[in-house]
Amino acid sequence: MTASKYPERIKAVVVEAAHIFVEDVTLKGIYEAMDAYKNTDLAERLAKYHGDKVDTLFKAWTETWTRSDYRDWNIEDFLPAITSPLLFIQGEADEYGTLEQVEKTISQVSGKTEKYIIPGIGHTPHKENKTLIAEIAGKFIRNLN
């Protein structure tokens, strides 16, 4: 299913810390996570969300993003096909992506866009301030025309 083929089914899009291209900060954060995975209890903490698949998922994530041929991954060409209203939520202190991800996304989608940048929040706003994210997304959804 694509946005352009079934627009009547997609009423809105809410994204959080979305990536449309690879950045140096993304790779830096991934390499730091790889180090933490080896040297801290990160695997145990991630198991809360991924269960017994944590090793497989972590390996797939890190190996994909750090491949040399993945460095040029970019999906900006697909953005104009997004015609639904889009809310982009981003933590200002995201350790995996800059605000350029936000700006390039909202400037290239065809639908109405809103952004919400949260000071002092990192890559997982829904975990770092669950109540605020529910309020932001809820308001966006209630205001859909």
N, C-alpha and C. Protein backbone atom coordinates (compact mmCIF):
# COMPACT_ATOMS: atom_id res chain seq x y z
N MET A 1 0.86 -1.18 0.00
CA MET A 1 0.00 0.00 0.00
C MET A 1 0.90 1.24 0.00
N THR A 2 0.65 2.16 -0.90
CA THR A 2 1.40 3.41 -0.94
C THR A 2 0.45 4.58 -0.75
N ALA A 3 1.01 5.67 -0.30
CA ALA A 3 0.18 6.86 -0.07
C ALA A 3 -0.48 7.32 -1.35
N SER A 4 0.22 7.26 -2.46
CA SER A 4 -0.36 7.75 -3.71
C SER A 4 -1.44 6.83 -4.27
N LYS A 5 -1.36 5.54 -4.00
CA LYS A 5 -2.33 4.59 -4.54
C LYS A 5 -3.62 4.53 -3.72
N TYR A 6 -3.53 4.73 -2.42
CA TYR A 6 -4.68 4.61 -1.53
C TYR A 6 -4.81 5.83 -0.61
N PRO A 7 -4.87 7.05 -1.15
CA PRO A 7 -4.88 8.22 -0.27
C PRO A 7 -6.10 8.29 0.63
N GLU A 8 -7.23 7.72 0.21
CA GLU A 8 -8.43 7.79 1.03
C GLU A 8 -8.31 6.96 2.30
N ARG A 9 -7.38 6.03 2.35
CA ARG A 9 -7.20 5.18 3.53
C ARG A 9 -6.25 5.80 4.55
N ILE A 10 -5.40 6.69 4.12
CA ILE A 10 -4.43 7.30 5.02
C ILE A 10 -4.94 8.68 5.39
N LYS A 11 -5.44 8.82 6.60
CA LYS A 11 -6.04 10.08 7.05
C LYS A 11 -5.00 11.07 7.55
N ALA A 12 -3.91 10.55 8.11
CA ALA A 12 -2.85 11.41 8.63
C ALA A 12 -1.63 10.56 8.92
N VAL A 13 -0.50 11.23 9.01
CA VAL A 13 0.76 10.57 9.33
C VAL A 13 1.37 11.30 10.52
N VAL A 14 1.75 10.55 11.54
CA VAL A 14 2.47 11.11 12.68
C VAL A 14 3.80 10.37 12.75
N VAL A 15 4.90 11.10 12.64
CA VAL A 15 6.22 10.48 12.72
C VAL A 15 7.00 11.08 13.88
N GLU A 16 7.90 10.27 14.38
CA GLU A 16 8.74 10.71 15.48
C GLU A 16 10.17 10.32 15.16
N ALA A 17 11.05 11.33 15.11
CA ALA A 17 12.47 11.09 14.84
C ALA A 17 12.69 10.29 13.56
N ALA A 18 11.95 10.64 12.53
CA ALA A 18 12.03 9.90 11.26
C ALA A 18 13.28 10.29 10.48
N HIS A 19 13.79 9.33 9.74
CA HIS A 19 14.97 9.55 8.90
C HIS A 19 14.59 9.42 7.43
N ILE A 20 15.09 10.35 6.64
CA ILE A 20 14.90 10.27 5.19
C ILE A 20 16.24 10.16 4.46
N PHE A 21 17.34 10.29 5.20
CA PHE A 21 18.69 10.13 4.67
C PHE A 21 19.63 9.85 5.84
N VAL A 22 20.84 9.44 5.52
CA VAL A 22 21.84 9.10 6.54
C VAL A 22 22.68 10.35 6.83
N GLU A 23 22.90 10.61 8.11
CA GLU A 23 23.72 11.73 8.55
C GLU A 23 24.91 11.22 9.34
N ASP A 24 25.95 12.05 9.43
CA ASP A 24 27.11 11.68 10.25
C ASP A 24 26.72 11.47 11.70
N VAL A 25 25.81 12.31 12.22
CA VAL A 25 25.38 12.17 13.61
C VAL A 25 24.66 10.84 13.83
N THR A 26 23.97 10.36 12.79
CA THR A 26 23.30 9.06 12.88
C THR A 26 24.33 7.96 13.08
N LEU A 27 25.34 7.98 12.25
CA LEU A 27 26.38 6.94 12.34
C LEU A 27 27.15 7.04 13.65
N LYS A 28 27.44 8.26 14.09
CA LYS A 28 28.14 8.44 15.37
C LYS A 28 27.31 7.83 16.50
N GLY A 29 26.02 8.10 16.51
CA GLY A 29 25.14 7.55 17.54
C GLY A 29 25.08 6.04 17.48
N ILE A 30 25.07 5.48 16.29
CA ILE A 30 25.01 4.02 16.14
C ILE A 30 26.31 3.39 16.64
N TYR A 31 27.44 3.97 16.29
CA TYR A 31 28.72 3.43 16.77
C TYR A 31 28.81 3.50 18.29
N GLU A 32 28.29 4.58 18.87
CA GLU A 32 28.26 4.69 20.34
C GLU A 32 27.33 3.63 20.93
N ALA A 33 26.20 3.38 20.29
CA ALA A 33 25.28 2.34 20.76
C ALA A 33 25.92 0.96 20.66
N MET A 34 26.68 0.73 19.60
CA MET A 34 27.37 -0.56 19.45
C MET A 34 28.36 -0.77 20.60
N ASP A 35 29.07 0.29 20.95
CA ASP A 35 30.01 0.20 22.06
C ASP A 35 29.27 -0.06 23.37
N ALA A 36 28.17 0.64 23.58
CA ALA A 36 27.37 0.45 24.79
C ALA A 36 26.79 -0.96 24.85
N TYR A 37 26.40 -1.49 23.70
CA TYR A 37 25.83 -2.84 23.64
C TYR A 37 26.85 -3.87 24.11
N LYS A 38 28.11 -3.64 23.77
CA LYS A 38 29.18 -4.57 24.17
C LYS A 38 29.59 -4.38 25.62
N ASN A 39 29.53 -3.15 26.11
CA ASN A 39 30.17 -2.83 27.39
C ASN A 39 29.23 -2.43 28.53
N THR A 40 27.92 -2.43 28.27
CA THR A 40 26.98 -2.05 29.33
C THR A 40 25.81 -3.04 29.33
N ASP A 41 24.77 -2.70 30.06
CA ASP A 41 23.58 -3.55 30.13
C ASP A 41 22.53 -3.15 29.07
N LEU A 42 22.97 -2.50 28.00
CA LEU A 42 22.04 -2.04 26.97
C LEU A 42 21.20 -3.18 26.40
N ALA A 43 21.80 -4.32 26.17
CA ALA A 43 21.04 -5.46 25.63
C ALA A 43 19.90 -5.85 26.57
N GLU A 44 20.16 -5.86 27.86
CA GLU A 44 19.12 -6.19 28.83
C GLU A 44 18.01 -5.15 28.82
N ARG A 45 18.36 -3.88 28.71
CA ARG A 45 17.36 -2.82 28.69
C ARG A 45 16.52 -2.87 27.42
N LEU A 46 17.15 -3.21 26.30
CA LEU A 46 16.40 -3.32 25.04
C LEU A 46 15.51 -4.56 25.01
N ALA A 47 15.86 -5.57 25.77
CA ALA A 47 15.04 -6.79 25.82
C ALA A 47 13.63 -6.50 26.31
N LYS A 48 13.48 -5.45 27.09
CA LYS A 48 12.15 -5.03 27.56
C LYS A 48 11.22 -4.77 26.37
N TYR A 49 11.78 -4.26 25.27
CA TYR A 49 10.99 -3.91 24.09
C TYR A 49 11.03 -4.98 23.00
N HIS A 50 12.12 -5.75 22.94
CA HIS A 50 12.33 -6.68 21.83
C HIS A 50 12.41 -8.14 22.23
N GLY A 51 12.33 -8.42 23.52
CA GLY A 51 12.34 -9.81 23.99
C GLY A 51 13.58 -10.56 23.56
N ASP A 52 13.37 -11.81 23.17
CA ASP A 52 14.51 -12.66 22.82
C ASP A 52 15.07 -12.37 21.42
N LYS A 53 14.51 -11.39 20.74
CA LYS A 53 15.00 -11.01 19.42
C LYS A 53 15.96 -9.81 19.48
N VAL A 54 16.32 -9.38 20.67
CA VAL A 54 17.11 -8.17 20.81
C VAL A 54 18.45 -8.26 20.07
N ASP A 55 19.16 -9.38 20.17
CA ASP A 55 20.45 -9.50 19.49
C ASP A 55 20.28 -9.43 17.97
N THR A 56 19.29 -10.14 17.46
CA THR A 56 19.04 -10.16 16.01
C THR A 56 18.67 -8.77 15.51
N LEU A 57 17.79 -8.08 16.22
CA LEU A 57 17.35 -6.76 15.81
C LEU A 57 18.47 -5.72 15.91
N PHE A 58 19.23 -5.80 16.98
CA PHE A 58 20.33 -4.84 17.14
C PHE A 58 21.36 -5.04 16.04
N LYS A 59 21.68 -6.28 15.75
CA LYS A 59 22.64 -6.58 14.69
C LYS A 59 22.12 -6.09 13.34
N ALA A 60 20.87 -6.35 13.03
CA ALA A 60 20.30 -5.91 11.76
C ALA A 60 20.32 -4.39 11.65
N TRP A 61 19.95 -3.69 12.72
CA TRP A 61 19.95 -2.23 12.72
C TRP A 61 21.36 -1.69 12.49
N THR A 62 22.31 -2.14 13.29
CA THR A 62 23.67 -1.59 13.19
C THR A 62 24.36 -1.98 11.89
N GLU A 63 24.19 -3.22 11.46
CA GLU A 63 24.86 -3.64 10.23
C GLU A 63 24.28 -2.96 9.00
N THR A 64 22.98 -2.72 9.01
CA THR A 64 22.37 -2.03 7.87
C THR A 64 22.87 -0.59 7.78
N TRP A 65 22.72 0.15 8.85
CA TRP A 65 23.05 1.58 8.82
C TRP A 65 24.53 1.85 8.65
N THR A 66 25.41 0.94 9.06
CA THR A 66 26.85 1.20 8.97
C THR A 66 27.48 0.62 7.70
N ARG A 67 26.70 -0.04 6.86
CA ARG A 67 27.24 -0.54 5.58
C ARG A 67 27.67 0.65 4.72
N SER A 68 28.79 0.52 4.04
CA SER A 68 29.27 1.62 3.20
C SER A 68 28.30 1.93 2.06
N ASP A 69 27.64 0.91 1.51
CA ASP A 69 26.70 1.17 0.42
C ASP A 69 25.38 1.77 0.91
N TYR A 70 25.15 1.80 2.20
CA TYR A 70 23.94 2.39 2.76
C TYR A 70 24.11 3.89 3.00
N ARG A 71 25.33 4.36 2.96
CA ARG A 71 25.62 5.77 3.24
C ARG A 71 24.83 6.71 2.33
N ASP A 72 24.52 6.26 1.12
CA ASP A 72 23.78 7.08 0.16
C ASP A 72 22.28 6.85 0.20
N TRP A 73 21.79 6.07 1.17
CA TRP A 73 20.35 5.82 1.28
C TRP A 73 19.62 7.14 1.45
N ASN A 74 18.56 7.33 0.67
CA ASN A 74 17.83 8.58 0.71
C ASN A 74 16.44 8.34 0.10
N ILE A 75 15.40 8.74 0.82
CA ILE A 75 14.04 8.52 0.32
C ILE A 75 13.30 9.83 0.04
N GLU A 76 14.04 10.91 -0.13
CA GLU A 76 13.40 12.20 -0.39
C GLU A 76 12.52 12.19 -1.63
N ASP A 77 12.88 11.40 -2.64
CA ASP A 77 12.09 11.34 -3.87
C ASP A 77 10.66 10.83 -3.62
N PHE A 78 10.45 10.12 -2.54
CA PHE A 78 9.13 9.57 -2.23
C PHE A 78 8.23 10.57 -1.48
N LEU A 79 8.80 11.59 -0.91
CA LEU A 79 8.05 12.50 -0.05
C LEU A 79 6.91 13.24 -0.74
N PRO A 80 7.06 13.71 -1.97
CA PRO A 80 5.93 14.41 -2.61
C PRO A 80 4.67 13.55 -2.74
N ALA A 81 4.80 12.24 -2.71
CA ALA A 81 3.63 11.35 -2.80
C ALA A 81 2.81 11.35 -1.52
N ILE A 82 3.34 11.92 -0.45
CA ILE A 82 2.60 11.97 0.81
C ILE A 82 1.67 13.18 0.76
N THR A 83 0.40 12.91 0.64
CA THR A 83 -0.60 13.98 0.52
C THR A 83 -1.42 14.14 1.79
N SER A 84 -1.32 13.20 2.69
CA SER A 84 -2.04 13.28 3.96
C SER A 84 -1.39 14.30 4.88
N PRO A 85 -2.15 14.86 5.81
CA PRO A 85 -1.53 15.74 6.81
C PRO A 85 -0.45 14.98 7.57
N LEU A 86 0.65 15.66 7.86
CA LEU A 86 1.80 15.01 8.51
C LEU A 86 2.24 15.83 9.71
N LEU A 87 2.40 15.18 10.83
CA LEU A 87 2.97 15.78 12.03
C LEU A 87 4.33 15.13 12.26
N PHE A 88 5.37 15.95 12.34
CA PHE A 88 6.72 15.46 12.58
C PHE A 88 7.14 15.89 13.97
N ILE A 89 7.37 14.94 14.86
CA ILE A 89 7.81 15.20 16.23
C ILE A 89 9.29 14.85 16.32
N GLN A 90 10.08 15.75 16.86
CA GLN A 90 11.52 15.52 16.95
C GLN A 90 12.04 16.09 18.26
N GLY A 91 12.88 15.33 18.93
CA GLY A 91 13.59 15.84 20.09
C GLY A 91 14.75 16.70 19.62
N GLU A 92 14.88 17.87 20.19
CA GLU A 92 15.95 18.78 19.80
C GLU A 92 17.34 18.17 20.06
N ALA A 93 17.43 17.29 21.05
CA ALA A 93 18.70 16.67 21.42
C ALA A 93 18.81 15.24 20.87
N ASP A 94 18.14 14.95 19.77
CA ASP A 94 18.17 13.61 19.17
C ASP A 94 19.61 13.23 18.83
N GLU A 95 20.06 12.12 19.38
CA GLU A 95 21.43 11.68 19.17
C GLU A 95 21.63 10.94 17.85
N TYR A 96 20.55 10.74 17.09
CA TYR A 96 20.64 10.02 15.82
C TYR A 96 20.26 10.84 14.61
N GLY A 97 19.76 12.04 14.79
CA GLY A 97 19.36 12.85 13.63
C GLY A 97 19.25 14.32 13.97
N THR A 98 19.50 15.15 12.98
CA THR A 98 19.42 16.60 13.16
C THR A 98 18.05 17.12 12.73
N LEU A 99 17.83 18.38 12.96
CA LEU A 99 16.58 19.01 12.56
C LEU A 99 16.47 19.13 11.04
N GLU A 100 17.56 18.87 10.32
CA GLU A 100 17.50 18.87 8.86
C GLU A 100 16.56 17.77 8.37
N GLN A 101 16.47 16.66 9.10
CA GLN A 101 15.52 15.59 8.76
C GLN A 101 14.10 16.14 8.76
N VAL A 102 13.79 16.93 9.77
CA VAL A 102 12.46 17.53 9.91
C VAL A 102 12.20 18.51 8.77
N GLU A 103 13.10 19.46 8.60
CA GLU A 103 12.90 20.53 7.63
C GLU A 103 12.79 20.00 6.20
N LYS A 104 13.65 19.06 5.85
CA LYS A 104 13.58 18.51 4.49
C LYS A 104 12.32 17.68 4.29
N THR A 105 11.86 17.01 5.33
CA THR A 105 10.63 16.23 5.20
C THR A 105 9.44 17.15 5.00
N ILE A 106 9.26 18.09 5.91
CA ILE A 106 8.05 18.92 5.83
C ILE A 106 8.05 19.84 4.60
N SER A 107 9.21 20.14 4.07
CA SER A 107 9.25 21.00 2.88
C SER A 107 8.97 20.23 1.59
N GLN A 108 9.00 18.89 1.66
CA GLN A 108 8.85 18.12 0.43
C GLN A 108 7.56 17.30 0.33
N VAL A 109 6.86 17.09 1.45
CA VAL A 109 5.59 16.37 1.35
C VAL A 109 4.55 17.30 0.76
N SER A 110 3.53 16.73 0.14
CA SER A 110 2.51 17.53 -0.54
C SER A 110 1.36 17.93 0.37
N GLY A 111 1.17 17.19 1.45
CA GLY A 111 0.07 17.50 2.36
C GLY A 111 0.43 18.59 3.35
N LYS A 112 -0.56 18.98 4.13
CA LYS A 112 -0.38 19.95 5.22
C LYS A 112 0.61 19.36 6.22
N THR A 113 1.51 20.18 6.73
CA THR A 113 2.49 19.67 7.68
C THR A 113 2.53 20.51 8.95
N GLU A 114 2.89 19.85 10.02
CA GLU A 114 3.18 20.51 11.29
C GLU A 114 4.42 19.86 11.85
N LYS A 115 5.18 20.64 12.60
CA LYS A 115 6.33 20.07 13.29
C LYS A 115 6.26 20.48 14.75
N TYR A 116 6.82 19.62 15.58
CA TYR A 116 6.89 19.92 17.00
C TYR A 116 8.27 19.49 17.47
N ILE A 117 9.11 20.46 17.75
CA ILE A 117 10.48 20.21 18.21
C ILE A 117 10.50 20.39 19.72
N ILE A 118 10.98 19.37 20.42
CA ILE A 118 10.91 19.38 21.88
C ILE A 118 12.30 19.61 22.48
N PRO A 119 12.50 20.75 23.13
CA PRO A 119 13.80 21.05 23.75
C PRO A 119 14.16 20.01 24.82
N GLY A 120 15.43 19.65 24.87
CA GLY A 120 15.93 18.76 25.91
C GLY A 120 15.52 17.30 25.77
N ILE A 121 14.91 16.94 24.66
CA ILE A 121 14.45 15.57 24.45
C ILE A 121 15.32 14.94 23.36
N GLY A 122 15.59 13.64 23.51
CA GLY A 122 16.43 12.92 22.56
C GLY A 122 15.64 12.19 21.49
N HIS A 123 16.10 10.99 21.15
CA HIS A 123 15.58 10.24 20.00
C HIS A 123 14.22 9.59 20.24
N THR A 124 13.81 9.44 21.47
CA THR A 124 12.55 8.73 21.75
C THR A 124 11.61 9.60 22.58
N PRO A 125 11.06 10.64 21.98
CA PRO A 125 10.17 11.53 22.73
C PRO A 125 9.02 10.80 23.43
N HIS A 126 8.46 9.77 22.80
CA HIS A 126 7.33 9.06 23.41
C HIS A 126 7.73 8.35 24.69
N LYS A 127 9.01 8.03 24.85
CA LYS A 127 9.48 7.43 26.10
C LYS A 127 9.93 8.50 27.09
N GLU A 128 10.46 9.59 26.57
CA GLU A 128 11.02 10.63 27.43
C GLU A 128 9.95 11.57 28.00
N ASN A 129 8.85 11.72 27.27
CA ASN A 129 7.74 12.54 27.78
C ASN A 129 6.43 12.04 27.15
N LYS A 130 6.00 10.91 27.63
CA LYS A 130 4.81 10.22 27.12
C LYS A 130 3.57 11.11 27.10
N THR A 131 3.35 11.85 28.15
CA THR A 131 2.16 12.69 28.27
C THR A 131 2.16 13.80 27.21
N LEU A 132 3.30 14.46 27.05
CA LEU A 132 3.40 15.54 26.07
C LEU A 132 3.16 15.02 24.66
N ILE A 133 3.73 13.89 24.31
CA ILE A 133 3.57 13.33 22.96
C ILE A 133 2.11 12.95 22.72
N ALA A 134 1.46 12.37 23.70
CA ALA A 134 0.04 12.03 23.57
C ALA A 134 -0.79 13.30 23.36
N GLU A 135 -0.46 14.37 24.07
CA GLU A 135 -1.18 15.64 23.91
C GLU A 135 -0.97 16.23 22.52
N ILE A 136 0.28 16.23 22.05
CA ILE A 136 0.61 16.80 20.73
C ILE A 136 -0.08 16.01 19.63
N ALA A 137 0.05 14.70 19.66
CA ALA A 137 -0.55 13.86 18.62
C ALA A 137 -2.07 13.94 18.69
N GLY A 138 -2.61 13.94 19.89
CA GLY A 138 -4.05 14.03 20.06
C GLY A 138 -4.62 15.31 19.51
N LYS A 139 -3.97 16.43 19.78
CA LYS A 139 -4.41 17.73 19.26
C LYS A 139 -4.34 17.74 17.74
N PHE A 140 -3.27 17.22 17.19
CA PHE A 140 -3.12 17.15 15.72
C PHE A 140 -4.26 16.34 15.10
N ILE A 141 -4.55 15.19 15.67
CA ILE A 141 -5.60 14.32 15.14
C ILE A 141 -6.97 14.96 15.29
N ARG A 142 -7.24 15.58 16.44
CA ARG A 142 -8.54 16.23 16.65
C ARG A 142 -8.76 17.38 15.67
N ASN A 143 -7.69 18.04 15.25
CA ASN A 143 -7.80 19.20 14.36
C ASN A 143 -7.79 18.85 12.88
N LEU A 144 -7.80 17.57 12.54
CA LEU A 144 -7.84 17.19 11.14
C LEU A 144 -9.17 17.62 10.54
N ASN A 145 -9.14 18.12 9.34
CA ASN A 145 -10.39 18.55 8.69
C ASN A 145 -10.90 17.50 7.76
